[in-house]
Amino acid sequence: MGADMKKRNAITRIWLRSFATVSVLTVCILLVGGSLVHACAQSAPARADNLKRFLQKYDGNPSSPSERTTRYAVAFADLRDNGTEEAIVYLIGPNWCGSGGCAALILAPSGSSFKVITKTSVTQLPILVLPEKTNGWHDLGVGVAGGASPGYEARLRYNGKKYPGNPTVLPAQRLSKKAGGKVVIVPPTLLVNSVHFSSLEIPVW
């Protein structure tokens, strides 16, 4: 009996260790609308790889190395407070940037890839996640170039389907003072001495 008990305990400990490892790496159970939804949680390296593959495809998979000029900064944030993080991507390169700023993408996880919720144009850094919510999603704050006048920050509200695509015009809202949200992507000039600077050096290719 003693030997059998030790054997069962050893098997139990092995099973529990295996289960814990699998649970941490691959299993996420969310309570959504009163029903259980089972989803696999991607590890950080897998999520980064999946995002890069998505962006390569989104960039058009250029064949010439000279055309592979896109870089990006990315932040992951739970914009719906439902336990799933969306990706906020700031695209950098001649195909995405002009005098008014660059393009940004709001992406939602879709299996092992992503889907575009919104693409914004003429967006300046910083990008913030604001505490206020509209239609279940956190408002976003982005920088806007002021041209002859000083730049400012604009609020982007989710309308039930997407965020505004152009922060310089309605329905984007000009903020009269600095937003009080969480900065998730900061200007490169503030990143020189930061470990986060590498995020702006990540090529799509």
N, C-alpha and C. Protein backbone atom coordinates (compact mmCIF):
# COMPACT_ATOMS: atom_id res chain seq x y z
N MET A 1 0.83 -1.21 0.00
CA MET A 1 0.00 0.00 0.00
C MET A 1 0.87 1.26 0.00
N GLY A 2 1.97 1.26 0.82
CA GLY A 2 2.84 2.41 0.88
C GLY A 2 3.47 2.70 -0.46
N ALA A 3 3.96 1.65 -1.16
CA ALA A 3 4.59 1.84 -2.47
C ALA A 3 3.59 2.33 -3.49
N ASP A 4 2.38 1.78 -3.44
CA ASP A 4 1.33 2.19 -4.38
C ASP A 4 0.97 3.66 -4.16
N MET A 5 0.88 4.06 -2.90
CA MET A 5 0.53 5.44 -2.60
C MET A 5 1.61 6.39 -3.10
N LYS A 6 2.89 6.03 -2.89
CA LYS A 6 3.99 6.88 -3.37
C LYS A 6 3.96 7.00 -4.88
N LYS A 7 3.66 5.88 -5.55
CA LYS A 7 3.61 5.89 -7.01
C LYS A 7 2.50 6.79 -7.50
N ARG A 8 1.31 6.69 -6.87
CA ARG A 8 0.18 7.53 -7.27
C ARG A 8 0.48 9.00 -7.02
N ASN A 9 1.14 9.30 -5.89
CA ASN A 9 1.47 10.68 -5.58
C ASN A 9 2.46 11.25 -6.60
N ALA A 10 3.44 10.42 -6.99
CA ALA A 10 4.42 10.87 -7.98
C ALA A 10 3.76 11.14 -9.32
N ILE A 11 2.85 10.26 -9.73
CA ILE A 11 2.13 10.45 -10.99
C ILE A 11 1.28 11.71 -10.93
N THR A 12 0.64 11.93 -9.77
CA THR A 12 -0.20 13.10 -9.60
C THR A 12 0.62 14.38 -9.72
N ARG A 13 1.82 14.39 -9.07
CA ARG A 13 2.66 15.58 -9.14
C ARG A 13 3.10 15.87 -10.56
N ILE A 14 3.46 14.83 -11.32
CA ILE A 14 3.86 15.00 -12.72
C ILE A 14 2.70 15.55 -13.54
N TRP A 15 1.52 14.99 -13.32
CA TRP A 15 0.34 15.43 -14.07
C TRP A 15 0.02 16.88 -13.77
N LEU A 16 0.12 17.26 -12.48
CA LEU A 16 -0.20 18.63 -12.10
C LEU A 16 0.80 19.61 -12.69
N ARG A 17 2.09 19.25 -12.70
CA ARG A 17 3.08 20.12 -13.30
C ARG A 17 2.82 20.29 -14.79
N SER A 18 2.49 19.18 -15.46
CA SER A 18 2.21 19.25 -16.89
C SER A 18 0.98 20.08 -17.17
N PHE A 19 -0.05 19.88 -16.36
CA PHE A 19 -1.29 20.63 -16.55
C PHE A 19 -1.07 22.11 -16.33
N ALA A 20 -0.28 22.46 -15.28
CA ALA A 20 -0.02 23.87 -15.01
C ALA A 20 0.72 24.52 -16.16
N THR A 21 1.71 23.81 -16.71
CA THR A 21 2.48 24.36 -17.82
C THR A 21 1.60 24.59 -19.03
N VAL A 22 0.77 23.59 -19.37
CA VAL A 22 -0.13 23.72 -20.51
C VAL A 22 -1.12 24.85 -20.28
N SER A 23 -1.61 24.96 -19.03
CA SER A 23 -2.60 25.99 -18.73
C SER A 23 -2.01 27.38 -18.92
N VAL A 24 -0.79 27.58 -18.42
CA VAL A 24 -0.18 28.89 -18.50
C VAL A 24 0.10 29.29 -19.93
N LEU A 25 0.54 28.32 -20.75
CA LEU A 25 0.99 28.64 -22.10
C LEU A 25 -0.13 28.67 -23.12
N THR A 26 -1.16 27.85 -22.96
CA THR A 26 -2.07 27.69 -24.08
C THR A 26 -3.55 27.86 -23.77
N VAL A 27 -3.95 27.88 -22.52
CA VAL A 27 -5.38 27.84 -22.25
C VAL A 27 -5.83 29.11 -21.55
N CYS A 28 -6.86 29.71 -22.07
CA CYS A 28 -7.47 30.87 -21.45
C CYS A 28 -8.97 30.67 -21.49
N ILE A 29 -9.61 30.71 -20.33
CA ILE A 29 -11.06 30.53 -20.26
C ILE A 29 -11.68 31.87 -19.86
N LEU A 30 -12.50 32.39 -20.71
CA LEU A 30 -13.12 33.69 -20.47
C LEU A 30 -14.62 33.52 -20.29
N LEU A 31 -15.17 34.30 -19.40
CA LEU A 31 -16.61 34.33 -19.21
C LEU A 31 -17.17 35.46 -20.04
N VAL A 32 -17.84 35.15 -21.14
CA VAL A 32 -18.36 36.16 -22.05
C VAL A 32 -19.87 35.96 -22.19
N GLY A 33 -20.62 36.99 -21.84
CA GLY A 33 -22.07 36.93 -21.99
C GLY A 33 -22.72 35.77 -21.26
N GLY A 34 -22.12 35.35 -20.13
CA GLY A 34 -22.71 34.29 -19.34
C GLY A 34 -22.34 32.90 -19.80
N SER A 35 -21.57 32.75 -20.87
CA SER A 35 -21.19 31.42 -21.32
C SER A 35 -19.68 31.30 -21.35
N LEU A 36 -19.17 30.10 -21.19
CA LEU A 36 -17.73 29.88 -21.18
C LEU A 36 -17.22 29.77 -22.60
N VAL A 37 -16.17 30.53 -22.89
CA VAL A 37 -15.53 30.48 -24.18
C VAL A 37 -14.09 30.05 -23.96
N HIS A 38 -13.65 29.00 -24.64
CA HIS A 38 -12.30 28.50 -24.49
C HIS A 38 -11.44 29.08 -25.61
N ALA A 39 -10.31 29.65 -25.25
CA ALA A 39 -9.41 30.23 -26.24
C ALA A 39 -7.98 29.95 -25.87
N CYS A 40 -7.12 29.79 -26.87
CA CYS A 40 -5.71 29.56 -26.63
C CYS A 40 -5.00 30.89 -26.51
N ALA A 41 -4.31 31.07 -25.42
CA ALA A 41 -3.57 32.30 -25.21
C ALA A 41 -2.18 32.15 -25.83
N GLN A 42 -1.83 33.06 -26.72
CA GLN A 42 -0.55 32.98 -27.37
C GLN A 42 0.54 33.48 -26.43
N SER A 43 1.69 32.83 -26.47
CA SER A 43 2.83 33.35 -25.75
C SER A 43 3.29 34.63 -26.44
N ALA A 44 4.07 35.44 -25.72
CA ALA A 44 4.52 36.71 -26.28
C ALA A 44 5.32 36.52 -27.57
N PRO A 45 6.28 35.57 -27.63
CA PRO A 45 7.01 35.39 -28.90
C PRO A 45 6.11 34.95 -30.05
N ALA A 46 5.14 34.06 -29.77
CA ALA A 46 4.23 33.61 -30.83
C ALA A 46 3.36 34.75 -31.32
N ARG A 47 2.89 35.57 -30.40
CA ARG A 47 2.05 36.71 -30.78
C ARG A 47 2.84 37.69 -31.64
N ALA A 48 4.11 37.93 -31.26
CA ALA A 48 4.95 38.84 -32.05
C ALA A 48 5.18 38.29 -33.44
N ASP A 49 5.42 36.99 -33.55
CA ASP A 49 5.63 36.37 -34.86
C ASP A 49 4.36 36.44 -35.70
N ASN A 50 3.21 36.17 -35.08
CA ASN A 50 1.95 36.22 -35.82
C ASN A 50 1.65 37.64 -36.31
N LEU A 51 1.96 38.62 -35.47
CA LEU A 51 1.75 40.01 -35.88
C LEU A 51 2.66 40.37 -37.05
N LYS A 52 3.91 39.94 -36.98
CA LYS A 52 4.84 40.26 -38.06
C LYS A 52 4.39 39.65 -39.37
N ARG A 53 3.91 38.40 -39.32
CA ARG A 53 3.41 37.76 -40.54
C ARG A 53 2.20 38.51 -41.09
N PHE A 54 1.31 38.93 -40.19
CA PHE A 54 0.14 39.69 -40.63
C PHE A 54 0.57 40.99 -41.31
N LEU A 55 1.53 41.69 -40.72
CA LEU A 55 1.96 42.97 -41.27
C LEU A 55 2.70 42.79 -42.60
N GLN A 56 3.44 41.71 -42.74
CA GLN A 56 4.08 41.44 -44.02
C GLN A 56 3.03 41.29 -45.12
N LYS A 57 1.98 40.56 -44.82
CA LYS A 57 0.90 40.39 -45.79
C LYS A 57 0.19 41.72 -46.03
N TYR A 58 -0.06 42.46 -44.97
CA TYR A 58 -0.74 43.75 -45.08
C TYR A 58 0.09 44.73 -45.91
N ASP A 59 1.41 44.61 -45.80
CA ASP A 59 2.33 45.48 -46.53
C ASP A 59 2.43 45.11 -48.01
N GLY A 60 1.80 44.00 -48.40
CA GLY A 60 1.78 43.61 -49.80
C GLY A 60 2.87 42.64 -50.20
N ASN A 61 3.64 42.13 -49.21
CA ASN A 61 4.71 41.18 -49.50
C ASN A 61 5.59 41.63 -50.66
N PRO A 62 6.18 42.82 -50.59
CA PRO A 62 7.04 43.26 -51.70
C PRO A 62 8.23 42.32 -51.89
N SER A 63 8.55 42.05 -53.15
CA SER A 63 9.61 41.09 -53.45
C SER A 63 10.99 41.72 -53.43
N SER A 64 11.06 43.02 -53.71
CA SER A 64 12.35 43.70 -53.77
C SER A 64 12.77 44.18 -52.38
N PRO A 65 14.01 43.87 -51.97
CA PRO A 65 14.49 44.35 -50.65
C PRO A 65 14.41 45.87 -50.53
N SER A 66 14.59 46.59 -51.64
CA SER A 66 14.54 48.05 -51.59
C SER A 66 13.15 48.57 -51.27
N GLU A 67 12.13 47.72 -51.48
CA GLU A 67 10.75 48.13 -51.19
C GLU A 67 10.33 47.72 -49.78
N ARG A 68 11.18 46.96 -49.12
CA ARG A 68 10.84 46.49 -47.78
C ARG A 68 11.31 47.52 -46.75
N THR A 69 10.59 48.59 -46.68
CA THR A 69 11.02 49.74 -45.88
C THR A 69 10.17 49.96 -44.63
N THR A 70 9.15 49.15 -44.43
CA THR A 70 8.22 49.39 -43.33
C THR A 70 8.80 48.92 -42.00
N ARG A 71 8.75 49.80 -41.02
CA ARG A 71 9.04 49.46 -39.63
C ARG A 71 7.79 49.76 -38.81
N TYR A 72 7.78 49.32 -37.58
CA TYR A 72 6.58 49.57 -36.78
C TYR A 72 6.90 49.56 -35.30
N ALA A 73 6.06 50.28 -34.56
CA ALA A 73 6.02 50.22 -33.11
C ALA A 73 4.69 49.60 -32.73
N VAL A 74 4.68 48.77 -31.71
CA VAL A 74 3.44 48.08 -31.33
C VAL A 74 3.25 48.11 -29.83
N ALA A 75 2.00 48.23 -29.43
CA ALA A 75 1.61 48.10 -28.03
C ALA A 75 0.37 47.23 -27.97
N PHE A 76 0.30 46.38 -26.97
CA PHE A 76 -0.87 45.53 -26.77
C PHE A 76 -1.65 46.06 -25.57
N ALA A 77 -2.95 46.26 -25.76
CA ALA A 77 -3.78 46.82 -24.71
C ALA A 77 -5.17 46.20 -24.78
N ASP A 78 -5.76 45.98 -23.62
CA ASP A 78 -7.10 45.42 -23.53
C ASP A 78 -8.10 46.56 -23.67
N LEU A 79 -8.48 46.86 -24.89
CA LEU A 79 -9.33 48.02 -25.15
C LEU A 79 -10.78 47.80 -24.75
N ARG A 80 -11.17 46.54 -24.56
CA ARG A 80 -12.57 46.24 -24.19
C ARG A 80 -12.69 45.77 -22.76
N ASP A 81 -11.58 45.66 -22.04
CA ASP A 81 -11.59 45.15 -20.66
C ASP A 81 -12.26 43.79 -20.56
N ASN A 82 -11.97 42.94 -21.55
CA ASN A 82 -12.56 41.60 -21.55
C ASN A 82 -11.51 40.50 -21.43
N GLY A 83 -10.28 40.88 -21.13
CA GLY A 83 -9.23 39.89 -20.96
C GLY A 83 -8.46 39.58 -22.23
N THR A 84 -8.84 40.17 -23.36
CA THR A 84 -8.14 39.96 -24.63
C THR A 84 -7.51 41.26 -25.07
N GLU A 85 -6.22 41.23 -25.38
CA GLU A 85 -5.51 42.44 -25.76
C GLU A 85 -5.55 42.65 -27.28
N GLU A 86 -5.90 43.85 -27.66
CA GLU A 86 -5.80 44.27 -29.05
C GLU A 86 -4.39 44.82 -29.31
N ALA A 87 -4.01 44.90 -30.59
CA ALA A 87 -2.71 45.45 -30.96
C ALA A 87 -2.89 46.85 -31.54
N ILE A 88 -2.11 47.79 -31.04
CA ILE A 88 -2.05 49.14 -31.59
C ILE A 88 -0.70 49.25 -32.29
N VAL A 89 -0.73 49.44 -33.60
CA VAL A 89 0.50 49.40 -34.41
C VAL A 89 0.70 50.75 -35.09
N TYR A 90 1.88 51.31 -34.95
CA TYR A 90 2.24 52.55 -35.62
C TYR A 90 3.22 52.19 -36.74
N LEU A 91 2.79 52.41 -37.99
CA LEU A 91 3.58 52.04 -39.16
C LEU A 91 4.50 53.19 -39.56
N ILE A 92 5.74 52.84 -39.87
CA ILE A 92 6.75 53.85 -40.18
C ILE A 92 7.40 53.50 -41.50
N GLY A 93 7.41 54.44 -42.43
CA GLY A 93 8.03 54.20 -43.73
C GLY A 93 7.41 55.09 -44.78
N PRO A 94 8.04 55.18 -45.95
CA PRO A 94 7.54 56.08 -47.00
C PRO A 94 6.14 55.73 -47.49
N ASN A 95 5.75 54.47 -47.38
CA ASN A 95 4.41 54.08 -47.82
C ASN A 95 3.33 54.48 -46.81
N TRP A 96 3.73 54.83 -45.60
CA TRP A 96 2.76 55.05 -44.53
C TRP A 96 2.80 56.45 -43.95
N CYS A 97 3.84 57.20 -44.22
CA CYS A 97 4.03 58.49 -43.56
C CYS A 97 4.04 59.63 -44.57
N GLY A 98 3.53 60.78 -44.12
CA GLY A 98 3.58 62.00 -44.89
C GLY A 98 3.89 63.15 -43.97
N SER A 99 3.69 64.36 -44.44
CA SER A 99 4.02 65.53 -43.63
C SER A 99 3.14 65.63 -42.37
N GLY A 100 1.94 65.04 -42.43
CA GLY A 100 1.04 65.13 -41.29
C GLY A 100 1.19 64.03 -40.26
N GLY A 101 1.95 63.00 -40.59
CA GLY A 101 2.11 61.89 -39.67
C GLY A 101 2.12 60.57 -40.40
N CYS A 102 1.93 59.50 -39.67
CA CYS A 102 1.98 58.15 -40.24
C CYS A 102 0.66 57.42 -39.99
N ALA A 103 0.57 56.24 -40.53
CA ALA A 103 -0.64 55.42 -40.35
C ALA A 103 -0.53 54.60 -39.07
N ALA A 104 -1.68 54.34 -38.48
CA ALA A 104 -1.75 53.46 -37.31
C ALA A 104 -2.86 52.45 -37.54
N LEU A 105 -2.68 51.27 -36.99
CA LEU A 105 -3.67 50.21 -37.10
C LEU A 105 -4.14 49.80 -35.72
N ILE A 106 -5.43 49.58 -35.58
CA ILE A 106 -6.00 48.94 -34.40
C ILE A 106 -6.42 47.54 -34.84
N LEU A 107 -5.81 46.53 -34.27
CA LEU A 107 -6.01 45.15 -34.70
C LEU A 107 -6.59 44.32 -33.57
N ALA A 108 -7.54 43.47 -33.90
CA ALA A 108 -8.10 42.53 -32.94
C ALA A 108 -7.59 41.13 -33.26
N PRO A 109 -7.27 40.33 -32.24
CA PRO A 109 -6.83 38.96 -32.50
C PRO A 109 -7.91 38.18 -33.23
N SER A 110 -7.49 37.34 -34.17
CA SER A 110 -8.40 36.49 -34.93
C SER A 110 -7.71 35.15 -35.14
N GLY A 111 -7.95 34.22 -34.24
CA GLY A 111 -7.24 32.95 -34.29
C GLY A 111 -5.76 33.17 -34.04
N SER A 112 -4.93 32.71 -34.97
CA SER A 112 -3.49 32.92 -34.85
C SER A 112 -3.04 34.14 -35.64
N SER A 113 -4.00 34.96 -36.07
CA SER A 113 -3.66 36.16 -36.82
C SER A 113 -4.42 37.35 -36.24
N PHE A 114 -4.66 38.36 -37.06
CA PHE A 114 -5.34 39.57 -36.61
C PHE A 114 -6.29 40.06 -37.69
N LYS A 115 -7.23 40.90 -37.29
CA LYS A 115 -8.10 41.57 -38.24
C LYS A 115 -8.09 43.07 -37.95
N VAL A 116 -8.24 43.86 -39.00
CA VAL A 116 -8.17 45.31 -38.86
C VAL A 116 -9.50 45.85 -38.34
N ILE A 117 -9.44 46.54 -37.23
CA ILE A 117 -10.60 47.27 -36.72
C ILE A 117 -10.62 48.67 -37.32
N THR A 118 -9.46 49.32 -37.35
CA THR A 118 -9.36 50.67 -37.88
C THR A 118 -7.96 50.91 -38.41
N LYS A 119 -7.88 51.66 -39.50
CA LYS A 119 -6.61 52.23 -39.96
C LYS A 119 -6.76 53.73 -39.91
N THR A 120 -5.87 54.40 -39.20
CA THR A 120 -5.90 55.85 -39.15
C THR A 120 -4.77 56.42 -40.01
N SER A 121 -4.98 57.63 -40.51
CA SER A 121 -3.96 58.32 -41.29
C SER A 121 -3.45 59.51 -40.48
N VAL A 122 -2.44 60.18 -41.01
CA VAL A 122 -1.86 61.41 -40.45
C VAL A 122 -1.85 61.41 -38.92
N THR A 123 -1.35 60.34 -38.36
CA THR A 123 -1.32 60.17 -36.91
C THR A 123 0.08 60.47 -36.39
N GLN A 124 0.14 61.28 -35.34
CA GLN A 124 1.39 61.60 -34.67
C GLN A 124 1.43 60.89 -33.32
N LEU A 125 2.63 60.64 -32.87
CA LEU A 125 2.81 60.10 -31.52
C LEU A 125 2.79 61.25 -30.51
N PRO A 126 2.41 60.99 -29.27
CA PRO A 126 2.15 59.68 -28.68
C PRO A 126 0.74 59.16 -28.96
N ILE A 127 0.58 57.86 -28.71
CA ILE A 127 -0.74 57.22 -28.75
C ILE A 127 -1.07 56.81 -27.32
N LEU A 128 -2.28 57.15 -26.90
CA LEU A 128 -2.70 56.88 -25.53
C LEU A 128 -3.98 56.05 -25.50
N VAL A 129 -4.13 55.25 -24.48
CA VAL A 129 -5.40 54.61 -24.16
C VAL A 129 -6.04 55.42 -23.04
N LEU A 130 -7.20 55.98 -23.32
CA LEU A 130 -7.87 56.87 -22.36
C LEU A 130 -8.79 56.07 -21.44
N PRO A 131 -9.04 56.56 -20.24
CA PRO A 131 -9.90 55.83 -19.30
C PRO A 131 -11.36 55.78 -19.73
N GLU A 132 -11.82 56.78 -20.48
CA GLU A 132 -13.22 56.80 -20.91
C GLU A 132 -13.47 55.73 -21.98
N LYS A 133 -14.70 55.24 -22.03
CA LYS A 133 -15.07 54.22 -23.00
C LYS A 133 -16.30 54.67 -23.79
N THR A 134 -16.35 54.26 -25.05
CA THR A 134 -17.50 54.54 -25.92
C THR A 134 -17.88 53.25 -26.63
N ASN A 135 -19.14 52.84 -26.50
CA ASN A 135 -19.61 51.59 -27.09
C ASN A 135 -18.75 50.40 -26.70
N GLY A 136 -18.30 50.43 -25.44
CA GLY A 136 -17.59 49.27 -24.90
C GLY A 136 -16.09 49.25 -25.13
N TRP A 137 -15.55 50.22 -25.88
CA TRP A 137 -14.12 50.27 -26.18
C TRP A 137 -13.52 51.54 -25.59
N HIS A 138 -12.30 51.44 -25.10
CA HIS A 138 -11.62 52.62 -24.58
C HIS A 138 -11.38 53.63 -25.70
N ASP A 139 -11.58 54.90 -25.38
CA ASP A 139 -11.20 55.97 -26.29
C ASP A 139 -9.68 55.97 -26.45
N LEU A 140 -9.22 56.46 -27.60
CA LEU A 140 -7.79 56.59 -27.85
C LEU A 140 -7.43 58.06 -28.01
N GLY A 141 -6.23 58.40 -27.61
CA GLY A 141 -5.70 59.73 -27.85
C GLY A 141 -4.50 59.64 -28.77
N VAL A 142 -4.44 60.52 -29.77
CA VAL A 142 -3.32 60.52 -30.71
C VAL A 142 -2.86 61.95 -30.93
N GLY A 143 -1.62 62.11 -31.35
CA GLY A 143 -1.11 63.43 -31.67
C GLY A 143 -1.53 63.86 -33.07
N VAL A 144 -1.70 65.15 -33.24
CA VAL A 144 -2.04 65.73 -34.54
C VAL A 144 -1.08 66.89 -34.80
N ALA A 145 -0.51 66.92 -36.01
CA ALA A 145 0.37 68.04 -36.38
C ALA A 145 -0.45 69.29 -36.57
N GLY A 146 0.04 70.41 -36.07
CA GLY A 146 -0.74 71.64 -36.12
C GLY A 146 -0.49 72.49 -37.34
N GLY A 147 0.47 72.11 -38.19
CA GLY A 147 0.80 72.96 -39.33
C GLY A 147 1.42 74.26 -38.84
N ALA A 148 0.79 75.38 -39.19
CA ALA A 148 1.30 76.68 -38.74
C ALA A 148 1.04 76.91 -37.26
N SER A 149 0.06 76.21 -36.70
CA SER A 149 -0.27 76.35 -35.28
C SER A 149 0.32 75.17 -34.51
N PRO A 150 0.39 75.28 -33.18
CA PRO A 150 0.93 74.18 -32.38
C PRO A 150 0.11 72.90 -32.56
N GLY A 151 0.77 71.77 -32.43
CA GLY A 151 0.07 70.50 -32.51
C GLY A 151 -0.82 70.29 -31.30
N TYR A 152 -1.64 69.26 -31.36
CA TYR A 152 -2.57 68.98 -30.27
C TYR A 152 -2.86 67.49 -30.23
N GLU A 153 -3.64 67.08 -29.26
CA GLU A 153 -4.07 65.69 -29.12
C GLU A 153 -5.54 65.58 -29.48
N ALA A 154 -5.88 64.49 -30.14
CA ALA A 154 -7.27 64.25 -30.55
C ALA A 154 -7.79 62.97 -29.90
N ARG A 155 -9.06 62.99 -29.59
CA ARG A 155 -9.73 61.82 -29.02
C ARG A 155 -10.42 61.05 -30.14
N LEU A 156 -10.20 59.74 -30.17
CA LEU A 156 -10.86 58.86 -31.12
C LEU A 156 -11.82 57.96 -30.35
N ARG A 157 -13.11 58.04 -30.71
CA ARG A 157 -14.12 57.22 -30.05
C ARG A 157 -14.59 56.10 -30.97
N TYR A 158 -14.78 54.93 -30.41
CA TYR A 158 -15.28 53.78 -31.16
C TYR A 158 -16.77 53.95 -31.41
N ASN A 159 -17.22 53.78 -32.65
CA ASN A 159 -18.63 54.03 -32.99
C ASN A 159 -19.48 52.77 -33.05
N GLY A 160 -18.94 51.68 -32.57
CA GLY A 160 -19.65 50.40 -32.63
C GLY A 160 -19.08 49.48 -33.68
N LYS A 161 -18.33 50.05 -34.62
CA LYS A 161 -17.68 49.26 -35.68
C LYS A 161 -16.19 49.56 -35.80
N LYS A 162 -15.83 50.84 -35.61
CA LYS A 162 -14.44 51.24 -35.79
C LYS A 162 -14.19 52.58 -35.12
N TYR A 163 -12.91 52.97 -35.08
CA TYR A 163 -12.51 54.30 -34.63
C TYR A 163 -12.45 55.23 -35.85
N PRO A 164 -12.47 56.55 -35.64
CA PRO A 164 -12.30 57.47 -36.78
C PRO A 164 -10.98 57.22 -37.49
N GLY A 165 -11.01 57.34 -38.82
CA GLY A 165 -9.82 57.07 -39.61
C GLY A 165 -8.90 58.26 -39.79
N ASN A 166 -9.41 59.46 -39.52
CA ASN A 166 -8.60 60.66 -39.68
C ASN A 166 -8.74 61.50 -38.41
N PRO A 167 -7.69 61.62 -37.62
CA PRO A 167 -7.80 62.34 -36.35
C PRO A 167 -7.90 63.85 -36.49
N THR A 168 -7.76 64.37 -37.71
CA THR A 168 -7.79 65.83 -37.89
C THR A 168 -9.19 66.36 -38.18
N VAL A 169 -10.16 65.48 -38.42
CA VAL A 169 -11.51 65.92 -38.76
C VAL A 169 -12.52 65.15 -37.92
N LEU A 170 -13.75 65.67 -37.88
CA LEU A 170 -14.82 64.98 -37.18
C LEU A 170 -15.06 63.61 -37.80
N PRO A 171 -15.43 62.61 -36.97
CA PRO A 171 -15.86 62.71 -35.58
C PRO A 171 -14.74 62.69 -34.54
N ALA A 172 -13.46 62.71 -34.97
CA ALA A 172 -12.39 62.88 -33.99
C ALA A 172 -12.58 64.21 -33.27
N GLN A 173 -12.20 64.24 -32.01
CA GLN A 173 -12.45 65.43 -31.19
C GLN A 173 -11.13 66.02 -30.70
N ARG A 174 -10.93 67.29 -30.96
CA ARG A 174 -9.74 67.97 -30.46
C ARG A 174 -9.84 68.15 -28.95
N LEU A 175 -8.79 67.75 -28.25
CA LEU A 175 -8.77 67.89 -26.80
C LEU A 175 -8.22 69.25 -26.42
N SER A 176 -8.87 69.89 -25.48
CA SER A 176 -8.46 71.23 -25.07
C SER A 176 -7.26 71.20 -24.13
N LYS A 177 -6.99 70.04 -23.55
CA LYS A 177 -5.84 69.89 -22.67
C LYS A 177 -5.27 68.49 -22.83
N LYS A 178 -4.11 68.28 -22.26
CA LYS A 178 -3.46 66.99 -22.38
C LYS A 178 -4.35 65.89 -21.79
N ALA A 179 -4.44 64.78 -22.53
CA ALA A 179 -5.26 63.67 -22.06
C ALA A 179 -4.58 62.99 -20.88
N GLY A 180 -5.40 62.40 -20.03
CA GLY A 180 -4.88 61.77 -18.82
C GLY A 180 -4.79 60.27 -18.89
N GLY A 181 -4.72 59.72 -20.10
CA GLY A 181 -4.69 58.27 -20.23
C GLY A 181 -3.29 57.69 -20.11
N LYS A 182 -3.17 56.44 -20.50
CA LYS A 182 -1.90 55.72 -20.44
C LYS A 182 -1.22 55.81 -21.80
N VAL A 183 -0.01 56.34 -21.84
CA VAL A 183 0.75 56.40 -23.08
C VAL A 183 1.26 54.99 -23.40
N VAL A 184 0.92 54.51 -24.59
CA VAL A 184 1.34 53.15 -24.97
C VAL A 184 2.40 53.16 -26.05
N ILE A 185 2.45 54.20 -26.89
CA ILE A 185 3.53 54.36 -27.87
C ILE A 185 3.98 55.81 -27.80
N VAL A 186 5.25 56.02 -27.55
CA VAL A 186 5.77 57.37 -27.34
C VAL A 186 6.61 57.81 -28.53
N PRO A 187 6.82 59.11 -28.69
CA PRO A 187 7.65 59.60 -29.80
C PRO A 187 9.07 59.07 -29.72
N PRO A 188 9.72 58.87 -30.86
CA PRO A 188 11.09 58.35 -30.86
C PRO A 188 12.06 59.20 -30.07
N THR A 189 11.85 60.51 -30.04
CA THR A 189 12.78 61.38 -29.32
C THR A 189 12.78 61.10 -27.84
N LEU A 190 11.70 60.48 -27.34
CA LEU A 190 11.63 60.14 -25.91
C LEU A 190 12.12 58.74 -25.64
N LEU A 191 12.52 58.03 -26.70
CA LEU A 191 12.88 56.63 -26.56
C LEU A 191 14.37 56.37 -26.66
N VAL A 192 15.14 57.41 -26.85
CA VAL A 192 16.56 57.23 -27.12
C VAL A 192 17.24 56.45 -26.00
N ASN A 193 16.90 56.75 -24.77
CA ASN A 193 17.53 56.08 -23.64
C ASN A 193 16.61 55.05 -22.99
N SER A 194 15.67 54.55 -23.77
CA SER A 194 14.70 53.60 -23.23
C SER A 194 14.87 52.24 -23.89
N VAL A 195 14.62 51.19 -23.13
CA VAL A 195 14.68 49.85 -23.70
C VAL A 195 13.60 49.67 -24.76
N HIS A 196 12.57 50.51 -24.73
CA HIS A 196 11.48 50.38 -25.69
C HIS A 196 11.86 50.91 -27.07
N PHE A 197 13.04 51.55 -27.17
CA PHE A 197 13.44 52.09 -28.47
C PHE A 197 13.52 51.01 -29.53
N SER A 198 13.85 49.80 -29.10
CA SER A 198 13.99 48.70 -30.08
C SER A 198 12.69 48.43 -30.79
N SER A 199 11.55 48.76 -30.16
CA SER A 199 10.27 48.50 -30.81
C SER A 199 10.12 49.31 -32.08
N LEU A 200 10.78 50.46 -32.14
CA LEU A 200 10.70 51.28 -33.34
C LEU A 200 11.71 50.84 -34.40
N GLU A 201 12.56 49.88 -34.05
CA GLU A 201 13.54 49.39 -35.00
C GLU A 201 13.14 48.03 -35.56
N ILE A 202 11.95 47.55 -35.24
CA ILE A 202 11.50 46.25 -35.73
C ILE A 202 11.05 46.38 -37.18
N PRO A 203 11.75 45.76 -38.11
CA PRO A 203 11.29 45.81 -39.50
C PRO A 203 10.16 44.83 -39.72
N VAL A 204 9.29 45.13 -40.66
CA VAL A 204 8.28 44.15 -41.03
C VAL A 204 8.95 42.93 -41.66
N TRP A 205 10.07 43.17 -42.32
CA TRP A 205 10.80 42.09 -42.99
C TRP A 205 12.04 41.73 -42.20
